[in-house]
């Protein structure tokens, strides 16, 4: 049994990026925890408390579809993580790290267009700096449709995970995010995510896959 931590900037990023991986880890009995750092609504005007509460409920239901119940939320400002000292964001990650001592961490790619994603990556790398006694052996970065591929830098994965058996769980989890998903042909539509999973799988001879760029792997 392994201890897994997913650190995401906003509700839905975690499922978009590694929903299949979470479902696989949960099925094999690993301890999976999720830390969501931002509110996910503030950039669209002052979010009402009712809407924020609904988004959190949607998030918990989505993660339950994947077999994940341990999720923690923080309140960093949406699309404005760069207005907060990096140390504050890193300390929020480190607090969870100290409690859980995960062996593998999934988080955002360093080159994402969304500034919150980039700050999230930097915070994870800061919190999990490789000091003696550090439990984490692997940090894998994921792609998020409508963020990773809207920037000039290329996401070049070298790690692929077979999610063929859990693809429908990922789709069901995404469907729970009523307010966050968009209609086809938007990149953040359920149809686009399915196509992405099938295309990534086809690159390595699988029905469906999620792929990752290792930020650190200790062997």
N, C-alpha and C. Protein backbone atom coordinates (compact mmCIF):
# COMPACT_ATOMS: atom_id res chain seq x y z
N UNK A 1 0.85 -1.20 0.00
CA UNK A 1 0.00 0.00 0.00
C UNK A 1 0.88 1.24 0.00
N UNK A 2 0.58 2.18 -0.88
CA UNK A 2 1.34 3.42 -0.99
C UNK A 2 0.51 4.60 -0.53
N UNK A 3 1.19 5.66 -0.13
CA UNK A 3 0.53 6.91 0.26
C UNK A 3 0.68 7.89 -0.90
N UNK A 4 -0.47 8.33 -1.42
CA UNK A 4 -0.53 9.17 -2.61
C UNK A 4 -1.14 10.52 -2.26
N UNK A 5 -0.53 11.60 -2.75
CA UNK A 5 -1.10 12.93 -2.56
C UNK A 5 -1.22 13.61 -3.92
N UNK A 6 -2.40 14.17 -4.18
CA UNK A 6 -2.63 14.98 -5.37
C UNK A 6 -2.78 16.43 -4.91
N UNK A 7 -1.98 17.33 -5.48
CA UNK A 7 -2.06 18.75 -5.14
C UNK A 7 -2.50 19.50 -6.38
N UNK A 8 -3.67 20.11 -6.32
CA UNK A 8 -4.23 20.81 -7.48
C UNK A 8 -4.59 22.24 -7.11
N UNK A 9 -4.64 23.09 -8.12
CA UNK A 9 -4.95 24.50 -7.87
C UNK A 9 -6.43 24.73 -7.64
N UNK A 10 -7.28 24.07 -8.43
CA UNK A 10 -8.73 24.34 -8.39
C UNK A 10 -9.53 23.05 -8.44
N UNK A 11 -10.75 23.07 -7.92
CA UNK A 11 -11.63 21.92 -8.09
C UNK A 11 -11.85 21.63 -9.57
N UNK A 12 -11.69 20.42 -9.96
CA UNK A 12 -11.78 19.78 -11.28
C UNK A 12 -10.40 19.52 -11.89
N UNK A 13 -9.38 20.33 -11.51
CA UNK A 13 -8.03 20.08 -12.02
C UNK A 13 -7.54 18.69 -11.66
N UNK A 14 -7.88 18.26 -10.45
CA UNK A 14 -7.38 16.96 -9.97
C UNK A 14 -7.94 15.79 -10.79
N UNK A 15 -9.21 15.90 -11.18
CA UNK A 15 -9.82 14.83 -11.98
C UNK A 15 -9.36 14.92 -13.43
N UNK A 16 -9.30 16.13 -13.96
CA UNK A 16 -8.81 16.30 -15.33
C UNK A 16 -7.40 15.75 -15.47
N UNK A 17 -6.55 16.04 -14.50
CA UNK A 17 -5.15 15.69 -14.61
C UNK A 17 -4.82 14.25 -14.29
N UNK A 18 -5.45 13.71 -13.25
CA UNK A 18 -5.08 12.34 -12.84
C UNK A 18 -6.24 11.58 -12.21
N UNK A 19 -7.45 11.83 -12.71
CA UNK A 19 -8.60 11.09 -12.20
C UNK A 19 -8.47 9.60 -12.37
N UNK A 20 -7.95 9.18 -13.51
CA UNK A 20 -7.75 7.75 -13.74
C UNK A 20 -6.72 7.16 -12.80
N UNK A 21 -5.64 7.89 -12.58
CA UNK A 21 -4.60 7.42 -11.65
C UNK A 21 -5.17 7.29 -10.24
N UNK A 22 -5.96 8.27 -9.82
CA UNK A 22 -6.55 8.18 -8.48
C UNK A 22 -7.46 6.96 -8.36
N UNK A 23 -8.27 6.72 -9.38
CA UNK A 23 -9.16 5.56 -9.35
C UNK A 23 -8.37 4.26 -9.27
N UNK A 24 -7.28 4.18 -10.03
CA UNK A 24 -6.44 2.97 -9.99
C UNK A 24 -5.80 2.79 -8.61
N UNK A 25 -5.25 3.86 -8.07
CA UNK A 25 -4.64 3.77 -6.74
C UNK A 25 -5.67 3.33 -5.70
N UNK A 26 -6.86 3.91 -5.76
CA UNK A 26 -7.89 3.56 -4.78
C UNK A 26 -8.29 2.10 -4.90
N UNK A 27 -8.42 1.60 -6.13
CA UNK A 27 -8.81 0.21 -6.34
C UNK A 27 -7.78 -0.77 -5.81
N UNK A 28 -6.50 -0.39 -5.87
CA UNK A 28 -5.47 -1.30 -5.38
C UNK A 28 -5.16 -1.10 -3.91
N UNK A 29 -5.97 -0.27 -3.24
CA UNK A 29 -5.85 -0.15 -1.79
C UNK A 29 -4.89 0.89 -1.30
N UNK A 30 -4.40 1.77 -2.17
CA UNK A 30 -3.50 2.83 -1.74
C UNK A 30 -4.28 3.92 -0.99
N UNK A 31 -3.60 4.63 -0.12
CA UNK A 31 -4.18 5.79 0.56
C UNK A 31 -4.05 7.00 -0.34
N UNK A 32 -5.17 7.53 -0.81
CA UNK A 32 -5.16 8.66 -1.74
C UNK A 32 -5.77 9.88 -1.05
N UNK A 33 -5.02 10.97 -1.02
CA UNK A 33 -5.50 12.23 -0.46
C UNK A 33 -5.37 13.32 -1.51
N UNK A 34 -6.24 14.30 -1.41
CA UNK A 34 -6.24 15.41 -2.38
C UNK A 34 -6.21 16.73 -1.62
N UNK A 35 -5.35 17.63 -2.06
CA UNK A 35 -5.28 18.99 -1.53
C UNK A 35 -5.60 19.95 -2.68
N UNK A 36 -6.67 20.73 -2.52
CA UNK A 36 -7.05 21.73 -3.52
C UNK A 36 -6.80 23.10 -2.91
N UNK A 37 -5.93 23.86 -3.54
CA UNK A 37 -5.42 25.08 -2.94
C UNK A 37 -6.30 26.30 -3.13
N UNK A 38 -7.07 26.36 -4.23
CA UNK A 38 -7.81 27.58 -4.55
C UNK A 38 -9.30 27.38 -4.61
N UNK A 39 -10.01 28.50 -4.58
CA UNK A 39 -11.47 28.46 -4.56
C UNK A 39 -12.06 28.07 -5.91
N UNK A 40 -11.41 28.48 -6.99
CA UNK A 40 -11.87 28.08 -8.31
C UNK A 40 -12.98 28.91 -8.90
N UNK A 41 -13.40 30.00 -8.21
CA UNK A 41 -14.51 30.79 -8.73
C UNK A 41 -14.23 32.29 -8.78
N UNK A 42 -13.33 32.78 -8.01
CA UNK A 42 -13.18 34.22 -7.83
C UNK A 42 -12.89 35.00 -9.09
N UNK A 43 -12.26 34.39 -10.09
CA UNK A 43 -11.90 35.11 -11.29
C UNK A 43 -13.11 35.49 -12.13
N UNK A 44 -14.27 34.94 -11.80
CA UNK A 44 -15.48 35.23 -12.57
C UNK A 44 -16.38 36.22 -11.85
N UNK A 45 -15.81 37.05 -11.01
CA UNK A 45 -16.60 37.97 -10.20
C UNK A 45 -16.68 37.44 -8.79
N UNK A 46 -17.22 38.23 -7.92
CA UNK A 46 -17.30 37.84 -6.52
C UNK A 46 -18.23 36.63 -6.38
N UNK A 47 -17.61 35.50 -6.05
CA UNK A 47 -18.39 34.26 -5.96
C UNK A 47 -19.26 34.26 -4.72
N UNK A 48 -20.49 33.92 -4.87
CA UNK A 48 -21.38 33.84 -3.73
C UNK A 48 -21.07 32.61 -2.91
N UNK A 49 -21.29 32.69 -1.62
CA UNK A 49 -20.96 31.57 -0.74
C UNK A 49 -21.74 30.32 -1.13
N UNK A 50 -22.95 30.50 -1.65
CA UNK A 50 -23.75 29.35 -2.07
C UNK A 50 -23.08 28.63 -3.24
N UNK A 51 -22.56 29.38 -4.19
CA UNK A 51 -21.88 28.78 -5.35
C UNK A 51 -20.61 28.07 -4.92
N UNK A 52 -19.88 28.67 -3.99
CA UNK A 52 -18.66 28.04 -3.49
C UNK A 52 -18.97 26.74 -2.77
N UNK A 53 -20.02 26.75 -1.98
CA UNK A 53 -20.43 25.54 -1.26
C UNK A 53 -20.84 24.45 -2.23
N UNK A 54 -21.54 24.84 -3.30
CA UNK A 54 -21.97 23.86 -4.29
C UNK A 54 -20.77 23.25 -5.01
N UNK A 55 -19.78 24.09 -5.34
CA UNK A 55 -18.59 23.59 -6.02
C UNK A 55 -17.85 22.59 -5.14
N UNK A 56 -17.77 22.88 -3.84
CA UNK A 56 -17.11 21.94 -2.94
C UNK A 56 -17.89 20.64 -2.85
N UNK A 57 -19.22 20.72 -2.81
CA UNK A 57 -20.03 19.49 -2.80
C UNK A 57 -19.82 18.69 -4.07
N UNK A 58 -19.80 19.39 -5.22
CA UNK A 58 -19.55 18.70 -6.49
C UNK A 58 -18.20 18.01 -6.45
N UNK A 59 -17.20 18.69 -5.89
CA UNK A 59 -15.86 18.13 -5.81
C UNK A 59 -15.83 16.86 -4.98
N UNK A 60 -16.48 16.89 -3.84
CA UNK A 60 -16.49 15.70 -2.97
C UNK A 60 -17.21 14.54 -3.64
N UNK A 61 -18.30 14.83 -4.35
CA UNK A 61 -19.03 13.77 -5.05
C UNK A 61 -18.18 13.21 -6.18
N UNK A 62 -17.50 14.09 -6.91
CA UNK A 62 -16.64 13.65 -8.01
C UNK A 62 -15.54 12.73 -7.50
N UNK A 63 -14.90 13.11 -6.41
CA UNK A 63 -13.81 12.30 -5.88
C UNK A 63 -14.33 10.99 -5.31
N UNK A 64 -15.55 10.99 -4.75
CA UNK A 64 -16.14 9.74 -4.27
C UNK A 64 -16.34 8.76 -5.42
N UNK A 65 -16.64 9.27 -6.63
CA UNK A 65 -16.77 8.41 -7.81
C UNK A 65 -15.46 7.66 -8.08
N UNK A 66 -14.35 8.26 -7.68
CA UNK A 66 -13.03 7.66 -7.90
C UNK A 66 -12.56 6.84 -6.71
N UNK A 67 -13.35 6.81 -5.64
CA UNK A 67 -12.96 6.07 -4.45
C UNK A 67 -12.11 6.86 -3.49
N UNK A 68 -12.14 8.20 -3.60
CA UNK A 68 -11.32 9.07 -2.75
C UNK A 68 -12.22 9.87 -1.81
N UNK A 69 -11.93 9.80 -0.53
CA UNK A 69 -12.73 10.53 0.46
C UNK A 69 -11.94 11.59 1.21
N UNK A 70 -10.62 11.49 1.20
CA UNK A 70 -9.79 12.43 1.95
C UNK A 70 -9.41 13.61 1.05
N UNK A 71 -10.15 14.71 1.17
CA UNK A 71 -9.87 15.90 0.37
C UNK A 71 -9.86 17.11 1.29
N UNK A 72 -8.88 17.98 1.09
CA UNK A 72 -8.74 19.19 1.91
C UNK A 72 -8.77 20.40 0.98
N UNK A 73 -9.39 21.49 1.46
CA UNK A 73 -9.54 22.70 0.66
C UNK A 73 -8.86 23.88 1.36
N UNK A 74 -8.17 24.68 0.57
CA UNK A 74 -7.61 25.92 1.07
C UNK A 74 -8.25 27.07 0.29
N UNK A 75 -7.92 28.29 0.65
CA UNK A 75 -8.69 29.43 0.17
C UNK A 75 -7.83 30.47 -0.55
N UNK A 76 -6.84 30.03 -1.30
CA UNK A 76 -6.03 30.99 -2.04
C UNK A 76 -6.85 31.57 -3.20
N UNK A 77 -6.62 32.85 -3.56
CA UNK A 77 -7.51 33.56 -4.51
C UNK A 77 -7.37 33.05 -5.94
N UNK A 78 -8.50 32.83 -6.57
CA UNK A 78 -8.54 32.24 -7.90
C UNK A 78 -7.86 33.13 -8.94
N UNK A 79 -6.96 32.52 -9.73
CA UNK A 79 -6.20 33.21 -10.76
C UNK A 79 -5.35 34.35 -10.22
N UNK A 80 -5.05 34.29 -8.92
CA UNK A 80 -4.22 35.31 -8.30
C UNK A 80 -3.25 34.69 -7.30
N UNK A 81 -2.89 33.44 -7.49
CA UNK A 81 -1.92 32.82 -6.59
C UNK A 81 -0.60 33.61 -6.57
N UNK A 82 -0.31 34.29 -7.69
CA UNK A 82 0.94 35.03 -7.76
C UNK A 82 0.94 36.31 -6.93
N UNK A 83 -0.22 36.65 -6.36
CA UNK A 83 -0.28 37.80 -5.46
C UNK A 83 -0.01 37.40 -4.01
N UNK A 84 0.14 36.11 -3.78
CA UNK A 84 0.40 35.57 -2.44
C UNK A 84 1.87 35.16 -2.38
N UNK A 85 2.56 35.42 -1.28
CA UNK A 85 3.95 34.96 -1.18
C UNK A 85 4.03 33.44 -1.43
N UNK A 86 4.97 33.02 -2.25
CA UNK A 86 5.13 31.59 -2.53
C UNK A 86 5.30 30.80 -1.24
N UNK A 87 5.97 31.39 -0.28
CA UNK A 87 6.18 30.70 1.00
C UNK A 87 4.85 30.31 1.63
N UNK A 88 3.84 31.17 1.53
CA UNK A 88 2.53 30.87 2.13
C UNK A 88 1.88 29.66 1.46
N UNK A 89 1.97 29.60 0.13
CA UNK A 89 1.39 28.46 -0.59
C UNK A 89 2.18 27.20 -0.27
N UNK A 90 3.50 27.30 -0.27
CA UNK A 90 4.34 26.14 0.04
C UNK A 90 4.08 25.63 1.45
N UNK A 91 3.86 26.53 2.38
CA UNK A 91 3.59 26.11 3.76
C UNK A 91 2.27 25.36 3.86
N UNK A 92 1.28 25.75 3.04
CA UNK A 92 0.00 25.03 3.03
C UNK A 92 0.20 23.61 2.53
N UNK A 93 1.06 23.44 1.53
CA UNK A 93 1.38 22.10 1.03
C UNK A 93 2.19 21.33 2.06
N UNK A 94 3.14 22.00 2.67
CA UNK A 94 4.03 21.33 3.61
C UNK A 94 3.28 20.84 4.85
N UNK A 95 2.28 21.59 5.26
CA UNK A 95 1.47 21.18 6.41
C UNK A 95 0.84 19.80 6.16
N UNK A 96 0.30 19.60 4.94
CA UNK A 96 -0.31 18.32 4.59
C UNK A 96 0.77 17.26 4.40
N UNK A 97 1.89 17.64 3.83
CA UNK A 97 3.00 16.70 3.64
C UNK A 97 3.47 16.11 4.97
N UNK A 98 3.61 16.96 5.96
CA UNK A 98 4.09 16.50 7.27
C UNK A 98 3.11 15.51 7.89
N UNK A 99 1.82 15.78 7.71
CA UNK A 99 0.80 14.90 8.28
C UNK A 99 0.75 13.55 7.56
N UNK A 100 0.82 13.57 6.23
CA UNK A 100 0.56 12.35 5.45
C UNK A 100 1.81 11.59 5.02
N UNK A 101 2.92 12.28 4.88
CA UNK A 101 4.17 11.68 4.40
C UNK A 101 3.94 10.83 3.14
N UNK A 102 3.42 11.45 2.07
CA UNK A 102 3.15 10.69 0.84
C UNK A 102 4.44 10.22 0.18
N UNK A 103 4.32 9.10 -0.52
CA UNK A 103 5.45 8.55 -1.26
C UNK A 103 5.44 8.99 -2.72
N UNK A 104 4.26 9.31 -3.23
CA UNK A 104 4.13 9.83 -4.60
C UNK A 104 3.20 11.03 -4.58
N UNK A 105 3.59 12.05 -5.35
CA UNK A 105 2.78 13.27 -5.46
C UNK A 105 2.48 13.52 -6.93
N UNK A 106 1.21 13.84 -7.22
CA UNK A 106 0.80 14.30 -8.54
C UNK A 106 0.45 15.78 -8.44
N UNK A 107 0.92 16.58 -9.40
CA UNK A 107 0.58 18.00 -9.40
C UNK A 107 0.66 18.56 -10.81
N UNK A 108 0.46 19.87 -10.93
CA UNK A 108 0.41 20.54 -12.23
C UNK A 108 1.76 20.57 -12.92
N UNK A 109 1.71 20.70 -14.24
CA UNK A 109 2.92 20.89 -15.03
C UNK A 109 3.46 22.30 -14.84
N UNK A 110 4.77 22.41 -14.89
CA UNK A 110 5.43 23.69 -14.62
C UNK A 110 5.10 24.76 -15.65
N UNK A 111 4.73 24.36 -16.87
CA UNK A 111 4.57 25.32 -17.95
C UNK A 111 3.12 25.68 -18.26
N UNK A 112 2.18 25.32 -17.42
CA UNK A 112 0.78 25.59 -17.71
C UNK A 112 0.52 27.08 -17.92
N UNK A 113 -0.46 27.39 -18.74
CA UNK A 113 -0.84 28.78 -18.99
C UNK A 113 -1.39 29.44 -17.73
N UNK A 114 -2.18 28.71 -16.98
CA UNK A 114 -2.82 29.27 -15.78
C UNK A 114 -1.78 29.54 -14.70
N UNK A 115 -1.74 30.76 -14.22
CA UNK A 115 -0.71 31.15 -13.25
C UNK A 115 -0.84 30.38 -11.95
N UNK A 116 -2.06 30.06 -11.55
CA UNK A 116 -2.25 29.30 -10.31
C UNK A 116 -1.62 27.92 -10.42
N UNK A 117 -1.71 27.31 -11.60
CA UNK A 117 -1.09 26.00 -11.81
C UNK A 117 0.43 26.09 -11.64
N UNK A 118 1.01 27.16 -12.19
CA UNK A 118 2.46 27.30 -12.11
C UNK A 118 2.92 27.53 -10.67
N UNK A 119 2.17 28.34 -9.94
CA UNK A 119 2.52 28.57 -8.54
C UNK A 119 2.33 27.30 -7.73
N UNK A 120 1.29 26.53 -8.04
CA UNK A 120 1.07 25.25 -7.37
C UNK A 120 2.27 24.33 -7.56
N UNK A 121 2.76 24.23 -8.80
CA UNK A 121 3.95 23.42 -9.07
C UNK A 121 5.14 23.90 -8.24
N UNK A 122 5.39 25.19 -8.22
CA UNK A 122 6.53 25.72 -7.47
C UNK A 122 6.37 25.45 -5.98
N UNK A 123 5.14 25.55 -5.48
CA UNK A 123 4.90 25.29 -4.06
C UNK A 123 5.17 23.84 -3.71
N UNK A 124 4.75 22.93 -4.60
CA UNK A 124 5.00 21.50 -4.36
C UNK A 124 6.50 21.22 -4.35
N UNK A 125 7.22 21.76 -5.32
CA UNK A 125 8.66 21.51 -5.39
C UNK A 125 9.39 22.11 -4.19
N UNK A 126 8.87 23.21 -3.68
CA UNK A 126 9.46 23.82 -2.49
C UNK A 126 9.16 22.99 -1.24
N UNK A 127 7.91 22.59 -1.09
CA UNK A 127 7.51 21.82 0.09
C UNK A 127 8.19 20.46 0.13
N UNK A 128 8.41 19.87 -1.05
CA UNK A 128 9.01 18.54 -1.13
C UNK A 128 10.48 18.58 -1.56
N UNK A 129 11.17 19.63 -1.16
CA UNK A 129 12.60 19.69 -1.49
C UNK A 129 13.29 18.47 -0.90
N UNK A 130 14.25 17.89 -1.63
CA UNK A 130 14.79 16.58 -1.27
C UNK A 130 15.81 16.63 -0.13
N UNK A 131 15.30 16.66 1.08
CA UNK A 131 16.15 16.67 2.26
C UNK A 131 16.25 15.25 2.84
N UNK A 132 17.24 15.00 3.66
CA UNK A 132 17.35 13.68 4.30
C UNK A 132 16.07 13.34 5.06
N UNK A 133 15.61 12.11 4.88
CA UNK A 133 14.40 11.66 5.57
C UNK A 133 13.11 11.95 4.83
N UNK A 134 13.18 12.60 3.67
CA UNK A 134 11.97 12.89 2.90
C UNK A 134 11.35 11.59 2.39
N UNK A 135 10.04 11.41 2.68
CA UNK A 135 9.36 10.17 2.31
C UNK A 135 9.02 10.12 0.83
N UNK A 136 8.79 11.27 0.21
CA UNK A 136 8.34 11.30 -1.19
C UNK A 136 9.46 10.87 -2.12
N UNK A 137 9.15 9.88 -2.94
CA UNK A 137 10.13 9.36 -3.90
C UNK A 137 9.83 9.79 -5.33
N UNK A 138 8.60 10.20 -5.59
CA UNK A 138 8.22 10.54 -6.97
C UNK A 138 7.29 11.75 -6.97
N UNK A 139 7.58 12.70 -7.85
CA UNK A 139 6.68 13.81 -8.14
C UNK A 139 6.40 13.77 -9.63
N UNK A 140 5.13 13.55 -9.98
CA UNK A 140 4.71 13.45 -11.37
C UNK A 140 3.79 14.62 -11.70
N UNK A 141 4.05 15.29 -12.82
CA UNK A 141 3.20 16.41 -13.22
C UNK A 141 2.25 15.98 -14.33
N UNK A 142 1.02 16.48 -14.26
CA UNK A 142 -0.02 16.06 -15.18
C UNK A 142 -0.43 17.20 -16.11
N UNK A 143 -1.17 16.84 -17.15
CA UNK A 143 -1.70 17.83 -18.09
C UNK A 143 -3.17 18.09 -17.76
N UNK A 144 -3.58 19.34 -17.96
CA UNK A 144 -4.97 19.74 -17.76
C UNK A 144 -5.48 20.36 -19.05
N UNK A 145 -6.47 19.72 -19.65
CA UNK A 145 -7.05 20.27 -20.87
C UNK A 145 -7.52 21.70 -20.62
N UNK A 146 -7.19 22.59 -21.55
CA UNK A 146 -7.51 24.02 -21.54
C UNK A 146 -6.53 24.83 -20.71
N UNK A 147 -5.45 24.22 -20.24
CA UNK A 147 -4.42 24.97 -19.53
C UNK A 147 -3.04 24.59 -20.02
N UNK A 148 -2.77 23.29 -20.07
CA UNK A 148 -1.43 22.82 -20.44
C UNK A 148 -1.11 23.09 -21.90
N UNK A 149 -2.10 22.99 -22.77
CA UNK A 149 -1.83 23.04 -24.21
C UNK A 149 -2.16 24.39 -24.84
N UNK A 150 -2.48 25.38 -24.04
CA UNK A 150 -2.76 26.71 -24.55
C UNK A 150 -1.54 27.63 -24.41
N UNK A 151 -0.39 27.06 -24.14
CA UNK A 151 0.83 27.84 -24.01
C UNK A 151 1.87 27.28 -24.99
N UNK A 152 2.85 28.09 -25.33
CA UNK A 152 3.82 27.69 -26.35
C UNK A 152 4.67 26.50 -25.91
N UNK A 153 5.03 26.45 -24.62
CA UNK A 153 5.87 25.35 -24.17
C UNK A 153 5.16 24.01 -24.35
N UNK A 154 5.91 23.00 -24.69
CA UNK A 154 5.33 21.70 -24.98
C UNK A 154 5.39 20.78 -23.77
N UNK A 155 4.29 20.11 -23.50
CA UNK A 155 4.22 19.08 -22.47
C UNK A 155 4.68 17.78 -23.10
N UNK A 156 5.81 17.25 -22.68
CA UNK A 156 6.42 16.06 -23.30
C UNK A 156 6.43 14.91 -22.31
N UNK A 157 5.36 14.13 -22.23
CA UNK A 157 5.29 13.06 -21.22
C UNK A 157 6.20 11.89 -21.55
N UNK A 158 6.70 11.27 -20.51
CA UNK A 158 7.51 10.05 -20.65
C UNK A 158 6.98 8.92 -19.77
N UNK A 159 5.96 9.20 -18.96
CA UNK A 159 5.35 8.19 -18.10
C UNK A 159 3.88 8.08 -18.48
N UNK A 160 3.44 6.85 -18.78
CA UNK A 160 2.05 6.61 -19.16
C UNK A 160 1.43 5.60 -18.21
N UNK A 161 0.19 5.86 -17.79
CA UNK A 161 -0.53 4.94 -16.92
C UNK A 161 -1.77 4.43 -17.65
N UNK A 162 -1.96 3.14 -17.67
CA UNK A 162 -3.12 2.52 -18.31
C UNK A 162 -4.35 2.80 -17.46
N UNK A 163 -5.31 3.55 -18.01
CA UNK A 163 -6.55 3.83 -17.29
C UNK A 163 -7.76 3.24 -18.03
N UNK A 164 -7.50 2.26 -18.89
CA UNK A 164 -8.58 1.67 -19.69
C UNK A 164 -9.71 1.16 -18.80
N UNK A 165 -9.37 0.51 -17.71
CA UNK A 165 -10.38 -0.12 -16.84
C UNK A 165 -11.12 0.89 -15.97
N UNK A 166 -10.60 2.12 -15.86
CA UNK A 166 -11.22 3.11 -14.96
C UNK A 166 -11.61 4.38 -15.71
N UNK A 167 -11.55 4.35 -17.04
CA UNK A 167 -11.89 5.55 -17.81
C UNK A 167 -13.30 6.03 -17.53
N UNK A 168 -14.26 5.10 -17.43
CA UNK A 168 -15.64 5.51 -17.20
C UNK A 168 -15.81 6.13 -15.81
N UNK A 169 -15.01 5.70 -14.86
CA UNK A 169 -15.05 6.35 -13.54
C UNK A 169 -14.59 7.80 -13.65
N UNK A 170 -13.53 8.02 -14.42
CA UNK A 170 -13.06 9.39 -14.61
C UNK A 170 -14.13 10.24 -15.28
N UNK A 171 -14.79 9.69 -16.31
CA UNK A 171 -15.84 10.42 -17.00
C UNK A 171 -17.01 10.74 -16.05
N UNK A 172 -17.36 9.78 -15.21
CA UNK A 172 -18.45 10.01 -14.25
C UNK A 172 -18.07 11.09 -13.24
N UNK A 173 -16.81 11.10 -12.83
CA UNK A 173 -16.35 12.12 -11.89
C UNK A 173 -16.40 13.50 -12.53
N UNK A 174 -15.96 13.61 -13.78
CA UNK A 174 -16.00 14.91 -14.46
C UNK A 174 -17.43 15.40 -14.63
N UNK A 175 -18.35 14.49 -14.86
CA UNK A 175 -19.76 14.87 -15.03
C UNK A 175 -20.34 15.49 -13.76
N UNK A 176 -19.72 15.22 -12.62
CA UNK A 176 -20.19 15.81 -11.35
C UNK A 176 -19.87 17.29 -11.26
N UNK A 177 -18.90 17.75 -12.04
CA UNK A 177 -18.50 19.16 -12.02
C UNK A 177 -19.38 19.94 -13.01
N UNK A 178 -20.65 20.09 -12.64
CA UNK A 178 -21.62 20.70 -13.55
C UNK A 178 -21.21 22.10 -13.99
N UNK A 179 -20.70 22.89 -13.07
CA UNK A 179 -20.40 24.29 -13.37
C UNK A 179 -19.06 24.49 -14.06
N UNK A 180 -18.21 23.48 -14.03
CA UNK A 180 -16.84 23.66 -14.53
C UNK A 180 -16.61 23.12 -15.93
N UNK A 181 -17.33 22.07 -16.31
CA UNK A 181 -17.14 21.49 -17.62
C UNK A 181 -17.86 22.31 -18.68
N UNK A 182 -17.37 22.23 -19.90
CA UNK A 182 -17.92 23.02 -21.00
C UNK A 182 -18.48 22.09 -22.09
N UNK A 183 -19.19 22.67 -23.03
CA UNK A 183 -19.77 21.89 -24.12
C UNK A 183 -18.72 21.67 -25.22
N UNK A 184 -18.80 20.52 -25.86
CA UNK A 184 -17.95 20.23 -27.02
C UNK A 184 -18.21 21.29 -28.10
N UNK A 185 -17.16 21.80 -28.77
CA UNK A 185 -15.79 21.31 -28.82
C UNK A 185 -14.80 22.04 -27.91
N UNK A 186 -15.24 22.57 -26.79
CA UNK A 186 -14.30 23.19 -25.85
C UNK A 186 -13.31 22.13 -25.36
N UNK A 187 -12.06 22.56 -25.13
CA UNK A 187 -11.03 21.61 -24.68
C UNK A 187 -11.35 21.01 -23.32
N UNK A 188 -12.11 21.75 -22.48
CA UNK A 188 -12.47 21.21 -21.18
C UNK A 188 -13.92 20.69 -21.22
N UNK A 189 -14.18 19.84 -22.18
CA UNK A 189 -15.47 19.13 -22.26
C UNK A 189 -15.21 17.66 -21.97
N UNK A 190 -16.25 16.96 -21.55
CA UNK A 190 -16.12 15.54 -21.27
C UNK A 190 -15.68 14.79 -22.53
N UNK A 191 -16.23 15.21 -23.69
CA UNK A 191 -15.86 14.54 -24.94
C UNK A 191 -14.38 14.73 -25.25
N UNK A 192 -13.86 15.94 -25.03
CA UNK A 192 -12.44 16.21 -25.31
C UNK A 192 -11.54 15.41 -24.39
N UNK A 193 -11.93 15.28 -23.14
CA UNK A 193 -11.12 14.52 -22.19
C UNK A 193 -11.10 13.03 -22.56
N UNK A 194 -12.22 12.52 -23.01
CA UNK A 194 -12.26 11.11 -23.46
C UNK A 194 -11.34 10.91 -24.66
N UNK A 195 -11.43 11.82 -25.62
CA UNK A 195 -10.57 11.72 -26.80
C UNK A 195 -9.10 11.81 -26.40
N UNK A 196 -8.80 12.72 -25.49
CA UNK A 196 -7.42 12.85 -25.00
C UNK A 196 -6.92 11.53 -24.41
N UNK A 197 -7.73 10.91 -23.54
CA UNK A 197 -7.33 9.66 -22.90
C UNK A 197 -7.11 8.56 -23.93
N UNK A 198 -7.99 8.49 -24.92
CA UNK A 198 -7.85 7.47 -25.96
C UNK A 198 -6.64 7.73 -26.84
N UNK A 199 -6.40 9.00 -27.17
CA UNK A 199 -5.23 9.35 -27.98
C UNK A 199 -3.94 9.06 -27.22
N UNK A 200 -3.87 9.47 -25.96
CA UNK A 200 -2.68 9.17 -25.17
C UNK A 200 -2.46 7.66 -25.07
N UNK A 201 -3.54 6.92 -24.91
CA UNK A 201 -3.41 5.47 -24.86
C UNK A 201 -2.88 4.90 -26.16
N UNK A 202 -3.37 5.42 -27.28
CA UNK A 202 -2.95 4.90 -28.58
C UNK A 202 -1.46 5.08 -28.83
N UNK A 203 -0.86 6.08 -28.18
CA UNK A 203 0.58 6.32 -28.37
C UNK A 203 1.44 5.21 -27.79
N UNK A 204 0.86 4.45 -26.86
CA UNK A 204 1.63 3.39 -26.21
C UNK A 204 0.90 2.05 -26.27
N UNK A 205 -0.03 1.90 -27.23
CA UNK A 205 -0.70 0.62 -27.44
C UNK A 205 -1.75 0.28 -26.41
N UNK A 206 -2.40 1.29 -25.82
CA UNK A 206 -3.43 1.07 -24.81
C UNK A 206 -4.75 1.66 -25.28
N UNK A 207 -5.84 1.19 -24.66
CA UNK A 207 -7.15 1.75 -24.96
C UNK A 207 -7.27 3.18 -24.45
N UNK A 208 -6.71 3.45 -23.28
CA UNK A 208 -6.78 4.79 -22.70
C UNK A 208 -5.64 4.94 -21.69
N UNK A 209 -5.13 6.16 -21.60
CA UNK A 209 -4.01 6.40 -20.69
C UNK A 209 -4.03 7.84 -20.19
N UNK A 210 -3.42 8.04 -19.03
CA UNK A 210 -3.01 9.36 -18.56
C UNK A 210 -1.49 9.39 -18.62
N UNK A 211 -0.95 10.57 -18.87
CA UNK A 211 0.50 10.65 -19.01
C UNK A 211 1.05 11.76 -18.13
N UNK A 212 2.33 11.61 -17.80
CA UNK A 212 2.96 12.48 -16.82
C UNK A 212 4.39 12.81 -17.21
N UNK A 213 4.84 13.95 -16.74
CA UNK A 213 6.25 14.32 -16.84
C UNK A 213 6.82 14.26 -15.43
N UNK A 214 7.84 13.44 -15.21
CA UNK A 214 8.42 13.36 -13.87
C UNK A 214 9.17 14.65 -13.52
N UNK A 215 8.84 15.22 -12.39
CA UNK A 215 9.61 16.35 -11.87
C UNK A 215 10.75 15.84 -10.99
N UNK A 216 10.52 14.68 -10.37
CA UNK A 216 11.57 14.02 -9.59
C UNK A 216 11.22 12.56 -9.42
N UNK A 217 12.19 11.68 -9.61
CA UNK A 217 12.02 10.25 -9.35
C UNK A 217 13.29 9.75 -8.71
N UNK A 218 13.15 9.15 -7.54
CA UNK A 218 14.30 8.59 -6.83
C UNK A 218 14.22 7.07 -6.89
N UNK A 219 15.22 6.44 -7.45
CA UNK A 219 15.20 4.98 -7.67
C UNK A 219 16.25 4.33 -6.79
